[in-house]
């Protein structure tokens, strides 16, 4: 069953004809700033399973480090996906529609999380990146 997602204003929409994989929340300072939140929750997708349905011309891109970047709606600012070397690499979970079959499996960079954030007990965490 396809998964769809869209930005806050609804101008940019996409679908995924595949499975969301390796969902995680990143608590590093860069993700907190990029997503204006305590963490960024995202899942990996295969580029060939991802398709823009509308609003692709409204996308703005930002390369945060060589090869890695983000794409967001140039109208409302919603961060929609991550890119790697120009291809879609993953999607932000907050922009998904409905109740997709995905669960955050672990939290990364928790040693640099915001001091005001409390991570629940029992969740899998890593001091730095994913194993």
N, C-alpha and C. Protein backbone atom coordinates (compact mmCIF):
# COMPACT_ATOMS: atom_id res chain seq x y z
N UNK A 1 0.85 -1.18 0.00
CA UNK A 1 0.00 0.00 0.00
C UNK A 1 0.89 1.24 0.00
N UNK A 2 0.64 2.17 -0.91
CA UNK A 2 1.48 3.37 -0.98
C UNK A 2 1.34 4.25 0.27
N UNK A 3 2.40 4.96 0.56
CA UNK A 3 2.44 5.92 1.65
C UNK A 3 2.51 7.30 1.00
N UNK A 4 1.76 8.26 1.53
CA UNK A 4 1.84 9.61 0.99
C UNK A 4 2.27 10.58 2.07
N UNK A 5 2.74 11.72 1.62
CA UNK A 5 3.15 12.77 2.54
C UNK A 5 3.00 14.12 1.86
N UNK A 6 2.98 15.16 2.67
CA UNK A 6 2.88 16.50 2.11
C UNK A 6 3.36 17.52 3.13
N UNK A 7 3.60 18.72 2.63
CA UNK A 7 4.04 19.81 3.49
C UNK A 7 2.85 20.39 4.26
N UNK A 8 3.15 21.31 5.16
CA UNK A 8 2.13 21.93 6.01
C UNK A 8 1.04 22.65 5.20
N UNK A 9 1.44 23.37 4.15
CA UNK A 9 0.44 24.11 3.37
C UNK A 9 -0.22 23.25 2.29
N UNK A 10 0.28 22.04 2.06
CA UNK A 10 -0.31 21.13 1.09
C UNK A 10 0.09 21.38 -0.35
N UNK A 11 1.01 22.30 -0.58
CA UNK A 11 1.43 22.63 -1.94
C UNK A 11 2.36 21.58 -2.55
N UNK A 12 3.10 20.86 -1.70
CA UNK A 12 4.02 19.82 -2.18
C UNK A 12 3.54 18.49 -1.63
N UNK A 13 3.40 17.51 -2.52
CA UNK A 13 2.91 16.20 -2.10
C UNK A 13 3.73 15.12 -2.80
N UNK A 14 3.91 13.99 -2.11
CA UNK A 14 4.66 12.86 -2.68
C UNK A 14 4.00 11.55 -2.29
N UNK A 15 4.44 10.47 -2.95
CA UNK A 15 4.02 9.12 -2.54
C UNK A 15 5.23 8.21 -2.60
N UNK A 16 5.14 7.16 -1.81
CA UNK A 16 6.18 6.14 -1.76
C UNK A 16 5.52 4.80 -2.06
N UNK A 17 5.98 4.15 -3.11
CA UNK A 17 5.49 2.82 -3.49
C UNK A 17 6.49 1.79 -2.99
N UNK A 18 6.58 1.68 -1.67
CA UNK A 18 7.54 0.77 -1.08
C UNK A 18 7.45 0.84 0.43
N UNK A 19 8.49 0.36 1.07
CA UNK A 19 8.51 0.27 2.52
C UNK A 19 9.43 1.31 3.12
N UNK A 20 8.96 1.96 4.16
CA UNK A 20 9.82 2.85 4.94
C UNK A 20 10.73 1.97 5.77
N UNK A 21 12.01 2.32 5.82
CA UNK A 21 12.99 1.46 6.51
C UNK A 21 13.80 2.25 7.52
N UNK A 22 14.26 1.56 8.53
CA UNK A 22 15.26 2.08 9.47
C UNK A 22 14.86 3.43 10.07
N UNK A 23 13.65 3.54 10.56
CA UNK A 23 13.18 4.79 11.16
C UNK A 23 13.93 5.08 12.45
N UNK A 24 14.32 6.36 12.60
CA UNK A 24 15.07 6.75 13.78
C UNK A 24 14.81 8.21 14.10
N UNK A 25 15.18 8.61 15.30
CA UNK A 25 15.13 10.02 15.70
C UNK A 25 16.55 10.46 16.00
N UNK A 26 16.94 11.58 15.42
CA UNK A 26 18.29 12.12 15.64
C UNK A 26 18.18 13.35 16.53
N UNK A 27 18.99 13.40 17.56
CA UNK A 27 18.93 14.47 18.55
C UNK A 27 20.13 15.40 18.48
N UNK A 28 20.91 15.36 17.40
CA UNK A 28 22.08 16.23 17.29
C UNK A 28 21.64 17.69 17.14
N UNK A 29 22.54 18.60 17.44
CA UNK A 29 22.20 20.02 17.39
C UNK A 29 21.85 20.47 15.98
N UNK A 30 22.45 19.87 14.97
CA UNK A 30 22.15 20.25 13.58
C UNK A 30 20.72 19.87 13.22
N UNK A 31 20.28 18.68 13.59
CA UNK A 31 18.91 18.27 13.29
C UNK A 31 17.90 19.09 14.08
N UNK A 32 18.22 19.41 15.32
CA UNK A 32 17.30 20.25 16.10
C UNK A 32 17.07 21.59 15.41
N UNK A 33 18.13 22.17 14.88
CA UNK A 33 18.00 23.45 14.18
C UNK A 33 17.27 23.30 12.84
N UNK A 34 17.63 22.27 12.08
CA UNK A 34 17.03 22.06 10.76
C UNK A 34 15.53 21.78 10.84
N UNK A 35 15.10 21.13 11.92
CA UNK A 35 13.70 20.74 12.03
C UNK A 35 12.93 21.57 13.05
N UNK A 36 13.61 22.53 13.69
CA UNK A 36 12.98 23.39 14.70
C UNK A 36 12.25 22.54 15.74
N UNK A 37 12.93 21.52 16.21
CA UNK A 37 12.31 20.56 17.12
C UNK A 37 13.37 19.94 18.01
N UNK A 38 12.95 19.08 18.93
CA UNK A 38 13.90 18.42 19.81
C UNK A 38 14.68 17.33 19.08
N UNK A 39 14.16 16.87 17.94
CA UNK A 39 14.81 15.81 17.17
C UNK A 39 14.24 15.78 15.76
N UNK A 40 14.90 15.05 14.90
CA UNK A 40 14.34 14.81 13.57
C UNK A 40 14.00 13.32 13.49
N UNK A 41 12.79 13.02 13.17
CA UNK A 41 12.37 11.63 13.00
C UNK A 41 12.19 11.38 11.52
N UNK A 42 12.91 10.38 11.02
CA UNK A 42 12.84 10.11 9.59
C UNK A 42 13.07 8.62 9.32
N UNK A 43 12.72 8.24 8.11
CA UNK A 43 12.90 6.85 7.68
C UNK A 43 13.53 6.87 6.30
N UNK A 44 14.29 5.84 6.02
CA UNK A 44 14.93 5.71 4.72
C UNK A 44 13.95 5.18 3.69
N UNK A 45 14.14 5.59 2.45
CA UNK A 45 13.34 5.10 1.33
C UNK A 45 14.28 4.83 0.16
N UNK A 46 13.86 3.96 -0.73
CA UNK A 46 14.61 3.74 -1.96
C UNK A 46 14.22 4.84 -2.93
N UNK A 47 15.18 5.50 -3.55
CA UNK A 47 14.86 6.61 -4.47
C UNK A 47 13.88 6.22 -5.57
N UNK A 48 14.01 5.01 -6.07
CA UNK A 48 13.13 4.58 -7.16
C UNK A 48 11.69 4.34 -6.70
N UNK A 49 11.46 4.28 -5.40
CA UNK A 49 10.10 4.08 -4.87
C UNK A 49 9.43 5.40 -4.47
N UNK A 50 10.14 6.50 -4.62
CA UNK A 50 9.66 7.82 -4.23
C UNK A 50 9.26 8.62 -5.47
N UNK A 51 8.11 9.32 -5.39
CA UNK A 51 7.66 10.13 -6.52
C UNK A 51 6.97 11.39 -6.02
N UNK A 52 7.38 12.55 -6.56
CA UNK A 52 6.68 13.80 -6.28
C UNK A 52 5.37 13.79 -7.04
N UNK A 53 4.26 14.14 -6.40
CA UNK A 53 2.96 14.19 -7.04
C UNK A 53 2.59 15.60 -7.48
N UNK A 54 3.01 16.59 -6.68
CA UNK A 54 2.77 17.98 -7.05
C UNK A 54 3.71 18.89 -6.25
N UNK A 55 3.94 20.05 -6.82
CA UNK A 55 4.71 21.08 -6.13
C UNK A 55 6.21 20.93 -6.17
N UNK A 56 6.75 20.04 -6.98
CA UNK A 56 8.19 19.84 -7.01
C UNK A 56 8.93 21.15 -7.35
N UNK A 57 8.28 21.99 -8.14
CA UNK A 57 8.91 23.26 -8.52
C UNK A 57 9.00 24.24 -7.33
N UNK A 58 8.28 23.96 -6.26
CA UNK A 58 8.32 24.81 -5.06
C UNK A 58 9.42 24.39 -4.09
N UNK A 59 10.08 23.27 -4.35
CA UNK A 59 11.09 22.76 -3.43
C UNK A 59 12.32 23.67 -3.38
N UNK A 60 12.82 23.84 -2.20
CA UNK A 60 14.12 24.48 -1.99
C UNK A 60 15.03 23.40 -1.43
N UNK A 61 16.30 23.49 -1.76
CA UNK A 61 17.27 22.50 -1.31
C UNK A 61 18.38 23.18 -0.53
N UNK A 62 18.91 22.44 0.44
CA UNK A 62 20.04 22.93 1.22
C UNK A 62 20.99 21.76 1.45
N UNK A 63 22.24 21.93 1.04
CA UNK A 63 23.24 20.89 1.26
C UNK A 63 23.95 21.20 2.57
N UNK A 64 23.69 20.37 3.59
CA UNK A 64 24.21 20.61 4.92
C UNK A 64 25.67 20.18 5.08
N UNK A 65 26.08 19.22 4.29
CA UNK A 65 27.47 18.78 4.23
C UNK A 65 27.65 18.10 2.88
N UNK A 66 28.87 17.97 2.39
CA UNK A 66 29.07 17.44 1.03
C UNK A 66 28.28 16.15 0.77
N UNK A 67 27.41 16.22 -0.23
CA UNK A 67 26.61 15.07 -0.63
C UNK A 67 25.28 14.93 0.10
N UNK A 68 25.16 15.48 1.31
CA UNK A 68 23.95 15.33 2.12
C UNK A 68 23.18 16.64 2.17
N UNK A 69 21.86 16.54 2.03
CA UNK A 69 21.06 17.75 2.07
C UNK A 69 19.63 17.50 2.47
N UNK A 70 18.86 18.57 2.44
CA UNK A 70 17.44 18.54 2.77
C UNK A 70 16.66 19.24 1.67
N UNK A 71 15.42 18.82 1.49
CA UNK A 71 14.52 19.53 0.60
C UNK A 71 13.30 19.92 1.41
N UNK A 72 12.86 21.14 1.20
CA UNK A 72 11.73 21.64 1.96
C UNK A 72 10.85 22.51 1.08
N UNK A 73 9.62 22.70 1.50
CA UNK A 73 8.67 23.52 0.75
C UNK A 73 9.12 24.97 0.83
N UNK A 74 9.29 25.60 -0.32
CA UNK A 74 9.69 26.99 -0.37
C UNK A 74 8.58 27.94 0.02
N UNK A 75 7.37 27.43 0.16
CA UNK A 75 6.22 28.27 0.52
C UNK A 75 6.00 28.27 2.04
N UNK A 76 5.91 27.07 2.66
CA UNK A 76 5.62 27.00 4.11
C UNK A 76 6.82 26.60 4.94
N UNK A 77 7.88 26.07 4.32
CA UNK A 77 9.10 25.72 5.04
C UNK A 77 9.18 24.31 5.59
N UNK A 78 8.17 23.49 5.39
CA UNK A 78 8.21 22.12 5.92
C UNK A 78 9.37 21.34 5.32
N UNK A 79 10.18 20.72 6.18
CA UNK A 79 11.25 19.84 5.71
C UNK A 79 10.61 18.51 5.33
N UNK A 80 10.77 18.12 4.07
CA UNK A 80 10.09 16.94 3.55
C UNK A 80 10.98 15.71 3.45
N UNK A 81 12.22 15.91 3.04
CA UNK A 81 13.06 14.74 2.80
C UNK A 81 14.53 15.09 2.92
N UNK A 82 15.32 14.04 3.03
CA UNK A 82 16.76 14.16 3.01
C UNK A 82 17.27 13.63 1.68
N UNK A 83 18.38 14.19 1.22
CA UNK A 83 18.96 13.75 -0.03
C UNK A 83 20.41 13.30 0.19
N UNK A 84 20.84 12.44 -0.68
CA UNK A 84 22.24 12.02 -0.70
C UNK A 84 22.68 11.98 -2.15
N UNK A 85 23.67 12.78 -2.47
CA UNK A 85 24.19 12.90 -3.83
C UNK A 85 23.07 13.12 -4.85
N UNK A 86 22.13 14.00 -4.50
CA UNK A 86 21.07 14.40 -5.43
C UNK A 86 19.86 13.50 -5.49
N UNK A 87 19.86 12.38 -4.78
CA UNK A 87 18.71 11.46 -4.78
C UNK A 87 18.02 11.49 -3.42
N UNK A 88 16.73 11.20 -3.43
CA UNK A 88 15.99 11.11 -2.17
C UNK A 88 16.57 9.96 -1.36
N UNK A 89 16.83 10.24 -0.10
CA UNK A 89 17.45 9.26 0.79
C UNK A 89 16.47 8.82 1.88
N UNK A 90 15.67 9.75 2.38
CA UNK A 90 14.72 9.46 3.44
C UNK A 90 13.68 10.54 3.54
N UNK A 91 12.63 10.27 4.29
CA UNK A 91 11.54 11.24 4.47
C UNK A 91 11.34 11.53 5.95
N UNK A 92 10.88 12.73 6.22
CA UNK A 92 10.56 13.10 7.60
C UNK A 92 9.23 12.46 7.97
N UNK A 93 9.17 11.88 9.14
CA UNK A 93 7.95 11.17 9.55
C UNK A 93 6.81 12.13 9.85
N UNK A 94 7.12 13.35 10.26
CA UNK A 94 6.08 14.31 10.60
C UNK A 94 5.26 14.76 9.41
N UNK A 95 5.74 14.58 8.20
CA UNK A 95 5.00 15.00 7.01
C UNK A 95 4.23 13.86 6.34
N UNK A 96 4.28 12.66 6.93
CA UNK A 96 3.53 11.54 6.37
C UNK A 96 2.05 11.69 6.68
N UNK A 97 1.22 11.22 5.76
CA UNK A 97 -0.23 11.23 5.96
C UNK A 97 -0.70 9.90 6.54
N UNK A 98 -1.81 9.95 7.26
CA UNK A 98 -2.41 8.74 7.78
C UNK A 98 -1.56 8.06 8.83
N UNK A 99 -1.69 6.75 8.88
CA UNK A 99 -0.94 5.93 9.86
C UNK A 99 -0.10 4.91 9.12
N UNK A 100 1.04 5.34 8.58
CA UNK A 100 1.87 4.38 7.85
C UNK A 100 2.46 3.34 8.78
N UNK A 101 2.81 2.22 8.21
CA UNK A 101 3.38 1.11 8.98
C UNK A 101 4.86 1.39 9.24
N UNK A 102 5.13 2.23 10.25
CA UNK A 102 6.50 2.59 10.59
C UNK A 102 6.59 2.86 12.08
N UNK A 103 7.71 2.52 12.66
CA UNK A 103 7.94 2.76 14.08
C UNK A 103 9.40 3.17 14.26
N UNK A 104 9.62 4.22 15.03
CA UNK A 104 10.99 4.66 15.31
C UNK A 104 11.67 3.56 16.11
N UNK A 105 12.76 3.03 15.57
CA UNK A 105 13.44 1.91 16.20
C UNK A 105 14.51 2.31 17.20
N UNK A 106 15.06 3.52 17.05
CA UNK A 106 16.12 3.95 17.96
C UNK A 106 16.34 5.45 17.86
N UNK A 107 17.08 5.97 18.82
CA UNK A 107 17.40 7.39 18.91
C UNK A 107 18.92 7.52 18.84
N UNK A 108 19.39 8.47 18.00
CA UNK A 108 20.83 8.64 17.83
C UNK A 108 21.28 10.03 18.29
N UNK A 109 22.56 10.14 18.55
CA UNK A 109 23.19 11.37 19.03
C UNK A 109 22.52 11.90 20.31
N UNK A 110 22.16 10.98 21.19
CA UNK A 110 21.48 11.40 22.42
C UNK A 110 22.41 12.11 23.39
N UNK A 111 23.72 11.95 23.24
CA UNK A 111 24.64 12.68 24.12
C UNK A 111 24.63 14.18 23.82
N UNK A 112 24.14 14.57 22.66
CA UNK A 112 24.07 16.00 22.35
C UNK A 112 22.63 16.51 22.29
N UNK A 113 21.71 15.76 22.90
CA UNK A 113 20.31 16.19 22.92
C UNK A 113 20.17 17.48 23.72
N UNK A 114 19.06 18.16 23.51
CA UNK A 114 18.77 19.38 24.27
C UNK A 114 18.63 19.03 25.75
N UNK A 115 19.13 19.88 26.62
CA UNK A 115 19.09 19.60 28.06
C UNK A 115 17.67 19.49 28.59
N UNK A 116 16.72 20.13 27.92
CA UNK A 116 15.34 20.13 28.39
C UNK A 116 14.55 18.91 27.90
N UNK A 117 15.16 18.09 27.05
CA UNK A 117 14.45 16.92 26.54
C UNK A 117 14.67 15.71 27.43
N UNK A 118 13.61 14.96 27.66
CA UNK A 118 13.68 13.73 28.44
C UNK A 118 13.34 12.57 27.51
N UNK A 119 14.28 11.67 27.34
CA UNK A 119 14.04 10.50 26.49
C UNK A 119 13.47 9.40 27.37
N UNK A 120 12.35 8.82 26.97
CA UNK A 120 11.72 7.78 27.79
C UNK A 120 12.63 6.60 28.04
N UNK A 121 12.47 5.99 29.19
CA UNK A 121 13.24 4.79 29.52
C UNK A 121 12.79 3.65 28.62
N UNK A 122 13.72 2.77 28.33
CA UNK A 122 13.38 1.58 27.56
C UNK A 122 13.56 1.73 26.06
N UNK A 123 13.81 2.94 25.56
CA UNK A 123 14.03 3.07 24.12
C UNK A 123 15.50 2.84 23.80
N UNK A 124 15.77 2.32 22.63
CA UNK A 124 17.15 2.04 22.22
C UNK A 124 17.80 3.37 21.85
N UNK A 125 18.94 3.67 22.47
CA UNK A 125 19.64 4.92 22.21
C UNK A 125 21.11 4.67 21.89
N UNK A 126 21.68 5.61 21.16
CA UNK A 126 23.09 5.57 20.82
C UNK A 126 23.69 6.94 21.09
N UNK A 127 24.86 6.98 21.69
CA UNK A 127 25.54 8.23 22.01
C UNK A 127 25.79 9.05 20.78
N UNK A 128 26.16 8.38 19.70
CA UNK A 128 26.44 9.07 18.45
C UNK A 128 25.55 8.47 17.37
N UNK A 129 26.08 8.24 16.17
CA UNK A 129 25.28 7.75 15.06
C UNK A 129 24.82 6.33 15.22
N UNK A 130 24.08 5.88 14.23
CA UNK A 130 23.55 4.51 14.22
C UNK A 130 24.68 3.50 14.12
N UNK A 131 24.45 2.32 14.65
CA UNK A 131 25.48 1.27 14.61
C UNK A 131 25.78 0.79 13.20
